[in-house]
Protein backbone atom coordinates (compact mmCIF):
# COMPACT_ATOMS: atom_id res chain seq x y z
CA MET A 1 114.11 97.29 48.58
CA THR A 2 111.71 98.32 51.35
CA ILE A 3 113.23 99.06 54.73
CA TYR A 4 111.10 98.55 57.83
CA LYS A 5 111.89 100.39 61.05
CA MET A 6 111.09 98.41 64.18
CA ARG A 7 110.46 100.36 67.40
CA LEU A 8 111.87 98.68 70.48
CA HIS A 9 109.33 97.84 73.20
CA PRO A 10 109.91 99.94 76.35
CA PRO A 11 111.36 97.08 78.44
CA PHE A 12 114.16 96.72 75.90
CA GLU A 13 114.97 100.35 75.22
CA ALA A 14 117.00 100.91 78.36
CA ALA A 15 119.47 98.20 77.44
CA ALA A 16 119.60 98.74 73.68
CA SER A 17 122.31 101.36 73.80
CA ALA A 18 124.36 99.25 76.17
CA LEU A 19 124.40 96.18 73.92
CA PRO A 20 127.91 95.53 72.55
CA GLN A 21 128.46 95.28 68.81
CA ARG A 22 128.79 91.69 67.61
CA ARG A 23 132.37 90.89 66.65
CA PRO A 24 134.06 87.74 65.45
CA GLY A 25 134.76 85.64 68.51
CA THR A 26 137.72 83.51 69.28
CA ILE A 27 137.55 79.79 69.93
CA ARG A 28 137.87 80.57 73.64
CA ASN A 29 134.79 82.82 73.50
CA LEU A 30 132.83 80.15 71.62
CA LEU A 31 133.75 77.56 74.22
CA LEU A 32 132.66 79.96 76.98
CA LEU A 33 129.30 80.55 75.31
CA LEU A 34 128.87 76.81 74.86
CA ALA A 35 129.59 76.23 78.55
CA ILE A 36 127.00 78.82 79.52
CA ALA A 37 124.43 77.26 77.21
CA LEU A 38 125.07 73.78 78.61
CA ALA A 39 124.66 75.11 82.14
CA GLY A 40 121.03 75.82 81.32
CA PRO A 41 118.77 78.69 82.41
CA VAL A 42 118.57 80.09 85.94
CA PHE A 43 115.24 79.10 87.46
CA ALA A 44 113.53 81.54 89.81
CA GLN A 45 112.81 79.95 93.16
CA GLN A 46 110.03 80.87 95.55
CA GLY A 47 111.05 84.00 97.41
CA GLN A 48 113.98 84.84 95.11
CA THR A 49 114.76 88.51 94.61
CA HIS A 50 117.03 90.58 92.38
CA VAL A 51 118.58 93.99 93.08
CA VAL A 52 118.49 96.16 89.95
CA ARG A 53 121.92 96.97 88.51
CA PRO A 54 122.93 99.26 85.62
CA GLY A 55 121.81 97.80 82.29
CA ASP A 56 119.11 95.52 83.76
CA THR A 57 115.84 95.20 81.82
CA LEU A 58 112.69 93.22 82.50
CA TRP A 59 113.26 91.40 79.19
CA GLU A 60 116.69 90.13 80.25
CA LEU A 61 115.61 89.37 83.82
CA SER A 62 112.69 87.34 82.47
CA ARG A 63 115.10 85.44 80.21
CA GLN A 64 117.46 84.82 83.13
CA TYR A 65 114.98 83.80 85.80
CA LYS A 66 111.85 82.64 83.96
CA GLN A 67 113.48 80.75 81.05
CA SER A 68 111.93 83.08 78.46
CA PRO A 69 112.00 86.86 77.93
CA LEU A 70 108.30 86.75 77.06
CA HIS A 71 107.37 86.62 80.77
CA TRP A 72 108.66 90.15 81.48
CA GLN A 73 105.12 91.42 82.11
CA GLU A 74 104.76 88.98 85.02
CA ILE A 75 107.73 90.65 86.72
CA GLN A 76 106.23 94.05 85.96
CA LYS A 77 102.87 93.07 87.48
CA ASP A 78 104.30 91.29 90.54
CA ASN A 79 106.44 94.31 91.40
CA ALA A 80 104.02 97.08 90.39
CA VAL A 81 106.60 98.56 87.99
CA ARG A 82 104.90 101.58 86.42
CA ALA A 83 107.60 102.47 83.88
CA PRO A 84 109.35 99.26 82.77
CA GLU A 85 111.83 101.21 80.66
CA ARG A 86 113.11 103.06 83.73
CA LEU A 87 114.02 100.58 86.44
CA LYS A 88 115.41 102.16 89.59
CA LEU A 89 118.96 101.23 90.53
CA GLY A 90 118.95 99.35 93.84
CA GLN A 91 115.26 98.43 93.53
CA VAL A 92 114.51 94.94 94.88
CA LEU A 93 112.43 92.89 92.42
CA VAL A 94 110.47 89.77 93.34
CA LEU A 95 111.21 87.06 90.78
CA GLY A 96 110.07 83.76 92.22
CA GLY A 97 106.67 84.05 93.84
CA ASP A 98 104.61 86.63 95.67
CA VAL A 99 106.55 87.87 98.70
CA ALA A 100 107.19 90.93 100.80
CA ILE A 101 110.69 92.34 101.12
CA VAL A 102 112.48 93.29 104.34
CA THR A 103 113.53 96.82 103.41
CA GLU A 104 114.61 98.15 106.83
CA LEU A 105 116.11 96.33 109.80
CA THR A 106 117.62 97.61 113.04
CA GLY A 107 118.84 95.07 115.59
CA SER A 108 118.20 91.31 115.46
CA ALA A 109 115.17 89.62 113.90
CA TRP A 110 114.49 85.98 113.03
CA LEU A 111 112.61 84.05 110.39
CA LYS A 112 111.11 80.56 110.87
CA ARG A 113 110.16 78.82 107.61
CA GLY A 114 108.47 75.42 107.66
CA ASN A 115 110.41 72.75 109.52
CA ALA A 116 113.76 74.46 109.01
CA ALA A 117 115.63 75.98 111.92
CA GLN A 118 115.05 79.68 112.47
CA ARG A 119 117.60 81.93 110.84
CA PRO A 120 118.55 85.60 111.13
CA LEU A 121 116.71 88.03 108.89
CA THR A 122 118.68 90.43 106.73
CA ARG A 123 117.76 93.51 104.76
CA GLY A 124 116.52 92.52 101.28
CA ALA A 125 115.25 89.09 102.38
CA GLY A 126 112.03 87.79 100.81
CA VAL A 127 109.09 86.79 103.01
CA GLN A 128 106.70 84.02 101.96
CA ALA A 129 103.35 82.65 103.06
CA GLY A 130 103.83 80.48 106.14
CA ASP A 131 106.84 82.42 107.43
CA VAL A 132 106.99 83.51 111.07
CA LEU A 133 108.97 86.68 111.84
CA VAL A 134 110.17 87.68 115.31
CA THR A 135 111.89 90.90 116.38
CA GLU A 136 114.03 90.91 119.50
CA GLN A 137 114.26 93.69 122.05
CA ASP A 138 115.64 96.88 120.50
CA ALA A 139 114.93 95.47 117.01
CA PHE A 140 112.71 97.13 114.40
CA LEU A 141 111.73 95.69 111.02
CA SER A 142 109.92 97.14 108.00
CA MET A 143 108.50 95.13 105.10
CA THR A 144 107.52 96.55 101.72
CA LEU A 145 104.85 94.90 99.56
CA VAL A 146 104.75 95.02 95.77
CA ASP A 147 102.12 97.81 95.82
CA ASP A 148 104.47 99.93 98.00
CA SER A 149 102.48 99.31 101.18
CA HIS A 150 104.63 99.13 104.32
CA VAL A 151 104.33 97.04 107.47
CA VAL A 152 106.43 97.95 110.52
CA MET A 153 107.22 95.44 113.30
CA PRO A 154 108.54 97.20 116.42
CA SER A 155 110.61 95.42 119.05
CA SER A 156 109.48 92.21 120.78
CA SER A 157 106.86 91.34 118.16
CA ALA A 158 105.96 88.11 116.37
CA VAL A 159 103.98 87.84 113.11
CA LYS A 160 102.97 84.96 110.85
CA VAL A 161 102.39 85.48 107.12
CA LEU A 162 99.20 83.56 106.32
CA VAL A 163 98.62 84.52 102.68
CA ILE A 164 100.54 86.78 100.32
CA ASN A 165 99.75 86.96 96.62
CA GLY A 166 98.50 89.36 94.00
CA GLN A 167 94.95 89.40 95.42
CA LEU A 168 95.29 88.93 99.18
CA VAL A 169 97.80 89.81 101.90
CA GLN A 170 97.01 88.39 105.33
CA PHE A 171 99.14 88.58 108.47
CA GLU A 172 98.51 87.07 111.90
CA LEU A 173 99.77 89.09 114.87
CA LEU A 174 101.02 86.56 117.41
CA SER A 175 102.32 89.12 119.90
CA GLY A 176 103.57 92.67 120.02
CA ARG A 177 102.57 95.25 117.41
CA LEU A 178 102.13 95.95 113.71
CA GLU A 179 101.88 99.41 112.22
CA SER A 180 100.69 99.42 108.61
CA HIS A 181 100.76 102.05 105.86
CA VAL A 182 98.49 100.49 103.24
CA GLU A 183 98.11 101.88 99.72
CA LYS A 184 94.71 101.85 97.99
CA GLN A 185 94.12 98.21 97.17
CA ASN A 186 92.23 98.52 93.85
CA GLY A 187 90.42 95.21 94.21
CA ARG A 188 93.08 93.55 96.38
CA HIS A 189 92.60 92.79 100.08
CA PHE A 190 94.88 93.52 103.04
CA GLU A 191 94.00 91.82 106.32
CA ILE A 192 95.49 91.37 109.78
CA ARG A 193 94.23 88.67 112.11
CA THR A 194 94.54 88.70 115.90
CA LYS A 195 93.44 86.03 118.37
CA SER A 196 90.03 87.69 118.66
CA ALA A 197 89.29 89.60 115.43
CA GLU A 198 90.07 89.98 111.73
CA LEU A 199 90.81 93.44 110.33
CA GLY A 200 90.40 94.42 106.68
CA VAL A 201 91.43 97.68 105.00
CA ARG A 202 91.37 99.32 101.59
CA GLY A 203 94.06 101.91 102.18
CA THR A 204 94.93 103.49 105.49
CA HIS A 205 97.45 104.00 108.31
CA PHE A 206 96.65 102.01 111.44
CA ARG A 207 98.11 100.03 114.33
CA VAL A 208 97.27 96.57 115.66
CA ARG A 209 98.61 95.69 119.10
CA ASP A 210 98.68 92.61 121.31
CA GLU A 211 100.81 93.61 124.28
CA ASP A 212 100.44 93.57 128.06
CA ASN A 213 97.25 91.46 127.74
CA VAL A 214 95.53 94.16 125.67
CA VAL A 215 94.49 93.66 122.01
CA THR A 216 93.60 96.85 120.12
CA VAL A 217 93.26 98.53 116.75
CA GLU A 218 93.87 102.26 116.35
CA VAL A 219 93.24 104.12 113.09
CA ILE A 220 95.32 107.18 112.23
CA GLU A 221 94.06 107.58 108.63
CA GLY A 222 91.26 105.89 106.68
CA LYS A 223 88.98 103.15 108.00
CA VAL A 224 89.38 99.57 109.24
CA ALA A 225 86.64 96.92 109.21
CA ALA A 226 86.85 94.59 112.24
CA ASP A 227 85.14 91.18 112.31
CA GLU A 228 85.06 89.40 115.65
CA ILE A 229 86.18 85.76 115.77
CA ALA A 230 83.35 84.26 117.84
CA ALA A 231 80.30 82.01 117.61
CA ASP A 232 78.10 85.10 117.27
CA PRO A 233 80.55 87.57 115.71
CA ARG A 234 80.10 91.32 115.84
CA LYS A 235 81.26 93.72 113.14
CA LEU A 236 82.69 97.19 113.61
CA LEU A 237 83.92 99.90 111.24
CA VAL A 238 86.64 101.90 112.98
CA GLY A 239 87.06 105.38 111.53
CA VAL A 240 89.86 107.91 111.52
CA ALA A 241 91.12 108.96 114.99
CA GLN A 242 89.15 106.07 116.52
CA GLY A 243 90.23 102.91 118.29
CA SER A 244 88.72 99.76 119.74
CA LEU A 245 89.63 96.95 122.06
CA LEU A 246 89.44 93.63 120.22
CA ALA A 247 89.14 91.40 123.29
CA GLY A 248 87.45 91.69 126.68
CA SER A 249 84.15 93.05 127.95
CA ASP A 250 84.58 96.42 126.22
CA ALA A 251 85.58 94.91 122.86
CA MET A 252 84.21 95.96 119.45
CA GLN A 253 83.28 99.50 120.51
CA SER A 254 84.79 102.59 118.90
CA HIS A 255 86.31 105.26 121.12
CA PRO A 256 88.02 108.53 120.17
CA LEU A 257 91.80 108.41 120.44
CA LEU A 258 93.64 110.81 122.70
CA PRO A 259 95.04 113.81 120.81
CA ALA A 260 98.70 113.99 119.87
CA PRO A 261 100.87 115.00 122.86
CA GLU A 262 102.65 118.33 122.82
CA ARG A 263 106.40 118.27 123.32
CA ILE A 264 107.61 120.99 125.68
CA GLU A 265 111.34 120.64 125.21
CA ALA A 266 114.23 118.27 124.59
CA ALA A 267 116.65 119.04 127.39
CA VAL A 268 120.40 119.07 126.89
CA ASP A 269 120.78 116.17 129.33
CA GLY A 270 118.68 113.89 127.11
CA ASP A 271 115.26 114.37 128.68
CA VAL A 272 112.20 114.77 126.44
CA LEU A 273 109.36 116.58 128.21
CA LEU A 274 105.67 116.50 127.24
CA ALA A 275 102.67 118.54 128.27
CA SER A 276 100.67 116.31 130.61
CA GLN A 277 97.29 115.06 129.34
CA PRO A 278 94.63 114.69 132.07
CA ASP A 279 93.16 111.49 130.58
CA ALA A 280 96.49 109.82 129.79
CA SER A 281 97.65 106.74 131.72
CA GLY A 282 101.02 106.58 129.96
CA TYR A 283 103.07 107.70 126.98
CA ARG A 284 105.26 106.21 124.23
CA LEU A 285 108.31 107.71 122.50
CA GLN A 286 109.78 106.54 119.18
CA LEU A 287 112.87 107.72 117.32
CA ALA A 288 113.47 107.06 113.62
CA ARG A 289 115.85 108.04 110.83
CA ASP A 290 113.02 108.83 108.39
CA ASP A 291 109.83 110.87 108.62
CA ARG A 292 107.60 107.84 107.85
CA PHE A 293 109.08 105.95 110.83
CA LEU A 294 110.02 102.94 108.71
CA GLN A 295 113.62 103.10 110.02
CA LEU A 296 112.89 102.92 113.74
CA MET A 297 115.92 103.20 116.02
CA HIS A 298 114.53 103.38 119.56
CA GLU A 299 111.32 103.40 121.58
CA GLN A 300 110.26 103.43 125.21
CA ARG A 301 107.19 103.87 127.42
CA SER A 302 106.68 105.93 130.54
CA SER A 303 103.86 106.44 133.01
CA LEU A 304 104.91 110.10 133.25
CA PRO A 305 105.10 112.76 130.49
CA ARG A 306 108.89 112.63 130.55
CA PHE A 307 111.50 110.41 128.92
CA THR A 308 115.22 110.02 129.56
CA LEU A 309 116.99 108.74 126.46
CA PRO A 310 119.42 105.81 126.77
CA ASP A 311 123.18 106.14 126.63
CA THR A 312 123.44 103.96 123.51
CA LEU A 313 122.04 106.44 120.97
CA ASP A 314 124.42 108.13 118.55
CA ALA A 315 124.45 111.90 118.60
CA GLY A 316 122.53 113.57 115.78
CA PHE A 317 119.09 114.55 114.50
CA TYR A 318 116.18 112.09 114.76
CA HIS A 319 112.50 112.08 113.89
CA LEU A 320 110.53 111.96 117.14
CA ARG A 321 107.04 110.47 117.57
CA LEU A 322 105.03 110.78 120.78
CA THR A 323 101.71 109.12 121.70
CA ALA A 324 99.54 108.90 124.82
CA PHE A 325 97.55 105.94 126.21
CA ASP A 326 94.06 106.34 127.64
CA SER A 327 92.55 104.40 130.55
CA ARG A 328 91.57 101.55 128.18
CA GLN A 329 95.18 101.38 126.96
CA LEU A 330 94.22 102.60 123.49
CA GLU A 331 97.23 104.37 121.99
CA GLY A 332 96.40 107.85 120.74
CA LEU A 333 97.25 109.96 117.72
CA PRO A 334 100.94 110.64 117.07
CA SER A 335 102.77 113.94 117.18
CA ASP A 336 105.84 113.99 114.92
CA SER A 337 108.78 116.39 115.09
CA THR A 338 112.56 116.42 114.86
CA VAL A 339 114.94 116.40 117.79
CA TYR A 340 118.68 116.63 118.26
CA ILE A 341 120.18 114.00 120.56
CA ALA A 342 123.31 115.17 122.34
CA ALA A 343 126.45 113.08 122.82
CA SER A 344 126.08 110.15 125.20
CA ALA A 345 128.38 111.67 127.83
CA SER A 346 125.40 113.61 129.13
CA ARG A 347 123.19 110.50 129.44
CA LYS A 348 125.03 108.31 131.97
CA SER A 349 123.53 106.65 135.01
CA GLY A 350 123.45 108.97 137.97
CA VAL A 351 121.53 110.87 140.61
CA GLU A 352 120.60 114.55 140.45
CA SER A 353 119.37 116.60 143.40
CA LEU A 354 116.19 118.50 142.55
CA GLY A 355 116.06 120.36 145.85
CA ASN A 356 113.62 120.09 148.76
CA GLY A 357 114.86 116.56 149.52
CA ARG A 358 113.91 115.15 146.10
CA TYR A 359 116.31 113.25 143.81
CA LYS A 360 116.13 112.17 140.18
CA ILE A 361 117.70 108.76 139.41
CA ARG A 362 118.44 107.79 135.81
CA TRP A 363 120.01 104.86 133.97
CA PRO A 364 120.69 104.04 130.27
CA GLY A 365 118.34 101.08 130.01
CA ARG A 366 117.02 99.50 126.82
CA SER A 367 114.15 100.72 124.67
CA GLY A 368 110.63 99.35 125.16
CA GLN A 369 111.69 97.52 128.34
CA LYS A 370 110.15 97.14 131.78
CA PHE A 371 112.24 97.49 134.94
CA ARG A 372 111.88 96.65 138.61
CA PHE A 373 113.03 99.61 140.67
CA GLU A 374 114.12 99.25 144.29
CA LEU A 375 115.29 101.74 146.93
CA ALA A 376 116.82 100.85 150.31
CA ARG A 377 119.07 102.11 153.13
CA THR A 378 121.40 99.08 152.90
CA ALA A 379 123.51 97.61 150.08
CA GLU A 380 121.71 94.28 150.63
CA PHE A 381 118.38 95.97 149.77
CA SER A 382 116.69 94.62 152.86
CA PRO A 383 114.35 96.00 153.92
CA LEU A 384 113.11 97.96 150.91
CA LEU A 385 112.01 101.55 151.32
CA ALA A 386 110.29 101.67 147.92
CA GLU A 387 109.64 99.27 145.05
CA ASP A 388 107.98 99.43 141.63
CA ALA A 389 107.72 95.92 140.18
CA ALA A 390 106.74 96.95 136.63
CA PHE A 391 108.18 100.34 135.71
CA TYR A 392 108.39 101.62 132.12
CA GLY A 393 111.14 104.19 131.60
CA THR A 394 114.73 104.92 132.47
CA ASN A 395 114.38 107.50 135.25
CA VAL A 396 112.46 107.98 138.47
CA THR A 397 112.11 110.81 140.98
CA VAL A 398 112.20 109.85 144.68
CA GLY A 399 111.67 111.80 147.89
CA PRO A 400 111.31 114.10 149.66
CA PHE A 401 113.72 112.60 152.22
CA VAL A 402 113.87 113.96 155.76
CA VAL A 403 116.26 111.37 157.21
CA PRO A 404 119.90 112.04 156.29
CA GLY A 405 122.31 109.27 155.30
CA LYS A 406 123.16 106.98 152.41
CA TYR A 407 120.50 105.51 150.13
CA TYR A 408 120.93 102.68 147.60
CA TRP A 409 119.00 102.17 144.37
CA ARG A 410 118.89 99.59 141.58
CA SER A 411 116.87 99.00 138.42
CA ILE A 412 116.61 95.51 136.91
CA GLU A 413 115.15 94.50 133.54
CA ILE A 414 112.12 92.22 133.67
CA GLY A 415 110.38 90.37 130.84
CA GLY A 416 112.07 89.34 127.60
CA ALA A 417 111.76 88.10 124.07
CA PRO A 418 108.38 86.62 123.03
CA GLY A 419 108.05 83.07 124.32
CA ASP A 420 111.55 82.91 125.82
CA PRO A 421 111.62 84.15 129.41
CA SER A 422 114.67 82.05 130.30
CA ALA A 423 116.81 83.70 127.64
CA ALA A 424 115.62 87.12 128.77
CA ALA A 425 116.59 86.40 132.37
CA ALA A 426 120.06 85.33 131.29
CA THR A 427 120.70 88.61 129.45
CA ALA A 428 118.82 91.03 131.74
CA GLN A 429 120.66 94.25 132.49
CA SER A 430 120.74 95.93 135.89
CA PHE A 431 121.86 99.38 136.99
CA SER A 432 122.60 100.49 140.53
CA GLY A 433 124.12 103.25 142.59
CA SER A 434 123.82 105.26 145.77
CA PHE A 435 123.47 108.86 146.92
CA GLU A 436 123.90 110.79 150.14
CA VAL A 437 121.13 112.84 151.73
CA PRO A 438 122.78 115.58 153.81
CA ALA A 439 121.63 116.61 157.24
CA PRO A 440 119.31 119.63 157.26
């Protein structure tokens, strides 16, 4: 008798040793198997995902979700699985259609799908073509595509997924920002559309922004091809360390990005100080749990090269990213480092005398938020001594004062979630206090 040895195909090897030996079953077991058979196969639905558990194989997942184990290669292709015999525990697999996966989420974000009511997004959720995603204030979301590209939505952003399949990924930025880390596409296409231009890449790290009435693209690595949406469209190839406005009179022209800011120190009281850049009109700070800034925790802007961190951050080490804005509001190259954030007791609202009649006022605030700052001699704030109607940041220095007496200050949030100013007004935070200027 000839004995043939059959080598198991890689997708089946991982589970072969875990298969139980067949034993005579009881009537109860037979009835259970019959009930399972009558229940029929599990059909994969559009956007369905599966988290890999011990013993999972593509063969069995194909049998479970695609009615036949012979479709295991579809799962491998859709999820860019390089070694099908070694699935990673905890890996999220797409089983029912071409989607992106929400892999990181801080704060509250929402998904609107078709005519259904919007619902909260959760980590591990699948994202389909036609979906609209919105991040609230202090919310940060990261999506991972099947080729391991990453798309980050910072706070107060809205994005629509136009197309997402094995050949084309296309997002529309409705408001806010997208930061993309795109792998080499190998024949696929990755595009982002704004209200004034379409951007295509082959593999790069870049930002697209539509905030404060400015639409821009800024390239940190690689190149981005921009096509204007107009009757007589212009084309532009934006190279590394370059940026361009995508709307307005100066649109579709490349400009060098400001260099990465230099951090001077992170003070014990929660201040982060930067070396001032002569051509900078403002600065941005971001904090994350990972060095790729996919797990964003906090961000804020300031017109000065100084940030005061809010009282809500947990103590510990963070990855810190700093950028500067030029006069066109193009956001420059990032500088990344690590920073230790002290306990919140040192970051309360208060007033600090700086000497020579000058005072520093600080408040916890919320990340990425504008404030209206007011200073007066009366608790009714009438008349006002000073006012800044659109102030980014959580601290301000006032003075020098030559008139002694009591001074009152307050800082009130302005603006809100995309498209919902009424809700923002209802939840706006305000901070206030007073300080005494002594007689000379």
